[in-house]
């Protein structure tokens, strides 16, 4: 899989996010919100055979901390390690940006996502920020080792 940075208004990114939101809504977990791209978010796309099939994004929080905002792989491409490759890409970018702590939120109704994050070294933490008090949220954190110069 080729991983590419994309701008917030990229049409392939928008198609992936729309598919993700549709899938969440069908599972009864959608927020009903329309995707609002932000300039302060780094968006990554996973491309297989010339087709955008996966996406993720991350954003700087407080100093030293980044948050993974979304992770999506089209159903036909799941089970091939693409999400794990995107996690590594986010971790590398965040670490290079001086953010060795990565946090994320996912839904309690997404056991595959929870298993992915746990198997990638993330540990569960109390809900943070806008997720605090939301019984449907589960939050994770990973502290990355420092870059070797």
C-alpha atoms as a PDB file:
ATOM      1  CA  UNK A   1       0.000   0.000   0.000  1.00  0.00           C
ATOM      2  CA  UNK A   2       1.196   3.473  -0.863  1.00  0.00           C
ATOM      3  CA  UNK A   3       0.453   6.064   1.840  1.00  0.00           C
ATOM      4  CA  UNK A   4       0.021   9.645   0.653  1.00  0.00           C
ATOM      5  CA  UNK A   5      -0.639  12.931   2.421  1.00  0.00           C
ATOM      6  CA  UNK A   6      -3.713  14.625   1.012  1.00  0.00           C
ATOM      7  CA  UNK A   7      -5.256  18.072   1.443  1.00  0.00           C
ATOM      8  CA  UNK A   8      -8.430  18.453   3.473  1.00  0.00           C
ATOM      9  CA  UNK A   9     -10.562  18.981   0.358  1.00  0.00           C
ATOM     10  CA  UNK A  10      -9.276  15.971  -1.585  1.00  0.00           C
ATOM     11  CA  UNK A  11     -12.210  14.225  -3.353  1.00  0.00           C
ATOM     12  CA  UNK A  12     -10.886  10.716  -2.661  1.00  0.00           C
ATOM     13  CA  UNK A  13     -10.592  11.561   1.036  1.00  0.00           C
ATOM     14  CA  UNK A  14     -14.165  12.876   0.988  1.00  0.00           C
ATOM     15  CA  UNK A  15     -15.400   9.646  -0.624  1.00  0.00           C
ATOM     16  CA  UNK A  16     -13.680   7.525   2.048  1.00  0.00           C
ATOM     17  CA  UNK A  17     -15.037   9.640   4.894  1.00  0.00           C
ATOM     18  CA  UNK A  18     -18.529   9.508   3.392  1.00  0.00           C
ATOM     19  CA  UNK A  19     -18.292   5.714   3.195  1.00  0.00           C
ATOM     20  CA  UNK A  20     -17.103   5.588   6.812  1.00  0.00           C
ATOM     21  CA  UNK A  21     -19.956   7.797   8.016  1.00  0.00           C
ATOM     22  CA  UNK A  22     -22.489   5.731   6.062  1.00  0.00           C
ATOM     23  CA  UNK A  23     -21.147   2.519   7.597  1.00  0.00           C
ATOM     24  CA  UNK A  24     -21.289   3.970  11.107  1.00  0.00           C
ATOM     25  CA  UNK A  25     -24.845   5.204  10.555  1.00  0.00           C
ATOM     26  CA  UNK A  26     -25.921   1.754   9.344  1.00  0.00           C
ATOM     27  CA  UNK A  27     -24.458   0.289  12.534  1.00  0.00           C
ATOM     28  CA  UNK A  28     -26.512   2.768  14.559  1.00  0.00           C
ATOM     29  CA  UNK A  29     -23.416   4.632  15.668  1.00  0.00           C
ATOM     30  CA  UNK A  30     -23.338   7.594  13.326  1.00  0.00           C
ATOM     31  CA  UNK A  31     -23.457  11.107  14.661  1.00  0.00           C
ATOM     32  CA  UNK A  32     -25.347  12.461  11.670  1.00  0.00           C
ATOM     33  CA  UNK A  33     -22.642  15.101  11.264  1.00  0.00           C
ATOM     34  CA  UNK A  34     -21.322  15.957   7.838  1.00  0.00           C
ATOM     35  CA  UNK A  35     -17.540  15.727   7.425  1.00  0.00           C
ATOM     36  CA  UNK A  36     -15.941  19.098   7.974  1.00  0.00           C
ATOM     37  CA  UNK A  37     -12.321  19.146   6.786  1.00  0.00           C
ATOM     38  CA  UNK A  38      -9.865  21.218   8.802  1.00  0.00           C
ATOM     39  CA  UNK A  39      -6.613  22.817   7.704  1.00  0.00           C
ATOM     40  CA  UNK A  40      -4.896  21.928  10.994  1.00  0.00           C
ATOM     41  CA  UNK A  41      -5.385  18.192  10.455  1.00  0.00           C
ATOM     42  CA  UNK A  42      -2.969  15.943   8.558  1.00  0.00           C
ATOM     43  CA  UNK A  43      -4.880  13.545   6.300  1.00  0.00           C
ATOM     44  CA  UNK A  44      -3.373  10.327   4.961  1.00  0.00           C
ATOM     45  CA  UNK A  45      -4.758   8.078   2.241  1.00  0.00           C
ATOM     46  CA  UNK A  46      -3.864   4.449   1.610  1.00  0.00           C
ATOM     47  CA  UNK A  47      -3.721   3.607  -2.105  1.00  0.00           C
ATOM     48  CA  UNK A  48      -3.817   0.060  -3.481  1.00  0.00           C
ATOM     49  CA  UNK A  49      -3.544  -0.517  -7.245  1.00  0.00           C
ATOM     50  CA  UNK A  50      -4.205   3.177  -7.895  1.00  0.00           C
ATOM     51  CA  UNK A  51      -7.375   3.274  -5.783  1.00  0.00           C
ATOM     52  CA  UNK A  52      -7.807   5.124  -2.486  1.00  0.00           C
ATOM     53  CA  UNK A  53      -9.039   2.416  -0.105  1.00  0.00           C
ATOM     54  CA  UNK A  54      -8.147   3.678   3.380  1.00  0.00           C
ATOM     55  CA  UNK A  55      -7.717   6.895   5.300  1.00  0.00           C
ATOM     56  CA  UNK A  56      -6.694   8.286   8.638  1.00  0.00           C
ATOM     57  CA  UNK A  57      -6.004  11.703  10.088  1.00  0.00           C
ATOM     58  CA  UNK A  58      -4.183  13.214  13.011  1.00  0.00           C
ATOM     59  CA  UNK A  59      -4.118  16.561  14.734  1.00  0.00           C
ATOM     60  CA  UNK A  60      -1.874  18.278  17.254  1.00  0.00           C
ATOM     61  CA  UNK A  61      -3.365  18.612  20.724  1.00  0.00           C
ATOM     62  CA  UNK A  62      -1.402  20.112  23.609  1.00  0.00           C
ATOM     63  CA  UNK A  63       2.409  20.217  23.365  1.00  0.00           C
ATOM     64  CA  UNK A  64       3.865  16.771  22.776  1.00  0.00           C
ATOM     65  CA  UNK A  65       0.494  15.159  22.055  1.00  0.00           C
ATOM     66  CA  UNK A  66      -1.310  14.210  18.836  1.00  0.00           C
ATOM     67  CA  UNK A  67      -4.744  12.690  18.327  1.00  0.00           C
ATOM     68  CA  UNK A  68      -5.745  10.169  15.681  1.00  0.00           C
ATOM     69  CA  UNK A  69      -9.077  11.458  14.420  1.00  0.00           C
ATOM     70  CA  UNK A  70     -10.267   8.758  12.078  1.00  0.00           C
ATOM     71  CA  UNK A  71      -9.285   5.388  10.731  1.00  0.00           C
ATOM     72  CA  UNK A  72     -11.148   3.728   7.890  1.00  0.00           C
ATOM     73  CA  UNK A  73     -10.475   0.900   5.469  1.00  0.00           C
ATOM     74  CA  UNK A  74     -13.010  -0.058   2.813  1.00  0.00           C
ATOM     75  CA  UNK A  75     -14.601  -3.427   3.732  1.00  0.00           C
ATOM     76  CA  UNK A  76     -13.163  -5.282   0.719  1.00  0.00           C
ATOM     77  CA  UNK A  77      -9.639  -4.353   1.841  1.00  0.00           C
ATOM     78  CA  UNK A  78      -9.885  -5.232   5.522  1.00  0.00           C
ATOM     79  CA  UNK A  79      -7.824  -7.988   7.044  1.00  0.00           C
ATOM     80  CA  UNK A  80      -4.682  -7.168   5.057  1.00  0.00           C
ATOM     81  CA  UNK A  81      -2.906  -4.960   7.609  1.00  0.00           C
ATOM     82  CA  UNK A  82      -3.737  -1.636   5.945  1.00  0.00           C
ATOM     83  CA  UNK A  83      -5.030   0.010   9.133  1.00  0.00           C
ATOM     84  CA  UNK A  84      -1.892  -1.070  10.971  1.00  0.00           C
ATOM     85  CA  UNK A  85       0.238   0.509   8.220  1.00  0.00           C
ATOM     86  CA  UNK A  86      -1.723   3.753   8.586  1.00  0.00           C
ATOM     87  CA  UNK A  87      -1.206   3.705  12.360  1.00  0.00           C
ATOM     88  CA  UNK A  88       2.554   3.408  11.848  1.00  0.00           C
ATOM     89  CA  UNK A  89       2.473   6.297   9.349  1.00  0.00           C
ATOM     90  CA  UNK A  90       0.603   8.521  11.828  1.00  0.00           C
ATOM     91  CA  UNK A  91       3.008   7.598  14.605  1.00  0.00           C
ATOM     92  CA  UNK A  92       6.016   8.426  12.409  1.00  0.00           C
ATOM     93  CA  UNK A  93       4.569  11.796  11.376  1.00  0.00           C
ATOM     94  CA  UNK A  94       3.547  12.737  14.909  1.00  0.00           C
ATOM     95  CA  UNK A  95       6.917  11.752  16.345  1.00  0.00           C
ATOM     96  CA  UNK A  96       8.737  13.735  13.655  1.00  0.00           C
ATOM     97  CA  UNK A  97       6.536  16.714  14.615  1.00  0.00           C
ATOM     98  CA  UNK A  98       7.653  16.426  18.251  1.00  0.00           C
ATOM     99  CA  UNK A  99       4.499  14.694  19.488  1.00  0.00           C
ATOM    100  CA  UNK A 100       5.547  11.384  21.093  1.00  0.00           C
ATOM    101  CA  UNK A 101       2.181  10.825  22.779  1.00  0.00           C
ATOM    102  CA  UNK A 102      -0.684   9.636  20.586  1.00  0.00           C
ATOM    103  CA  UNK A 103      -4.271   9.574  21.817  1.00  0.00           C
ATOM    104  CA  UNK A 104      -7.419   8.423  20.132  1.00  0.00           C
ATOM    105  CA  UNK A 105     -11.078   7.714  20.712  1.00  0.00           C
ATOM    106  CA  UNK A 106     -13.214   4.974  19.275  1.00  0.00           C
ATOM    107  CA  UNK A 107     -16.649   3.614  20.003  1.00  0.00           C
ATOM    108  CA  UNK A 108     -17.355   0.797  22.429  1.00  0.00           C
ATOM    109  CA  UNK A 109     -19.430  -0.700  19.592  1.00  0.00           C
ATOM    110  CA  UNK A 110     -16.298  -1.188  17.426  1.00  0.00           C
ATOM    111  CA  UNK A 111     -14.552  -4.255  18.886  1.00  0.00           C
ATOM    112  CA  UNK A 112     -12.316  -4.712  15.819  1.00  0.00           C
ATOM    113  CA  UNK A 113     -10.990  -1.148  16.196  1.00  0.00           C
ATOM    114  CA  UNK A 114     -10.417  -1.646  19.911  1.00  0.00           C
ATOM    115  CA  UNK A 115      -8.515  -4.880  19.230  1.00  0.00           C
ATOM    116  CA  UNK A 116      -6.438  -3.150  16.531  1.00  0.00           C
ATOM    117  CA  UNK A 117      -5.380  -0.335  18.837  1.00  0.00           C
ATOM    118  CA  UNK A 118      -4.631  -2.657  21.753  1.00  0.00           C
ATOM    119  CA  UNK A 119      -2.553  -4.964  19.550  1.00  0.00           C
ATOM    120  CA  UNK A 120      -0.686  -1.888  18.263  1.00  0.00           C
ATOM    121  CA  UNK A 121       0.458  -1.007  21.775  1.00  0.00           C
ATOM    122  CA  UNK A 122      -2.220   1.478  22.801  1.00  0.00           C
ATOM    123  CA  UNK A 123      -3.494   1.313  26.357  1.00  0.00           C
ATOM    124  CA  UNK A 124      -6.908   2.385  27.511  1.00  0.00           C
ATOM    125  CA  UNK A 125      -7.053   5.735  29.321  1.00  0.00           C
ATOM    126  CA  UNK A 126      -9.873   7.793  30.838  1.00  0.00           C
ATOM    127  CA  UNK A 127     -11.909   9.684  28.260  1.00  0.00           C
ATOM    128  CA  UNK A 128     -10.317  13.022  27.402  1.00  0.00           C
ATOM    129  CA  UNK A 129     -11.484  16.316  25.929  1.00  0.00           C
ATOM    130  CA  UNK A 130     -14.842  16.241  24.163  1.00  0.00           C
ATOM    131  CA  UNK A 131     -15.137  12.482  24.800  1.00  0.00           C
ATOM    132  CA  UNK A 132     -15.242  12.822  28.602  1.00  0.00           C
ATOM    133  CA  UNK A 133     -18.587  11.666  29.939  1.00  0.00           C
ATOM    134  CA  UNK A 134     -19.604   9.880  26.735  1.00  0.00           C
ATOM    135  CA  UNK A 135     -20.473   6.287  27.676  1.00  0.00           C
ATOM    136  CA  UNK A 136     -20.075   5.218  24.034  1.00  0.00           C
ATOM    137  CA  UNK A 137     -16.434   6.317  23.901  1.00  0.00           C
ATOM    138  CA  UNK A 138     -13.312   4.391  24.749  1.00  0.00           C
ATOM    139  CA  UNK A 139      -9.990   6.233  24.641  1.00  0.00           C
ATOM    140  CA  UNK A 140      -6.441   5.005  24.156  1.00  0.00           C
ATOM    141  CA  UNK A 141      -2.923   6.368  24.379  1.00  0.00           C
ATOM    142  CA  UNK A 142       0.528   5.301  23.252  1.00  0.00           C
ATOM    143  CA  UNK A 143       3.856   6.852  24.200  1.00  0.00           C
ATOM    144  CA  UNK A 144       6.356   6.529  21.391  1.00  0.00           C
ATOM    145  CA  UNK A 145      10.090   6.134  21.940  1.00  0.00           C
ATOM    146  CA  UNK A 146      12.211   9.172  21.106  1.00  0.00           C
ATOM    147  CA  UNK A 147      13.751   9.451  17.651  1.00  0.00           C
ATOM    148  CA  UNK A 148      17.343   8.291  17.497  1.00  0.00           C
ATOM    149  CA  UNK A 149      19.503  10.958  15.897  1.00  0.00           C
END
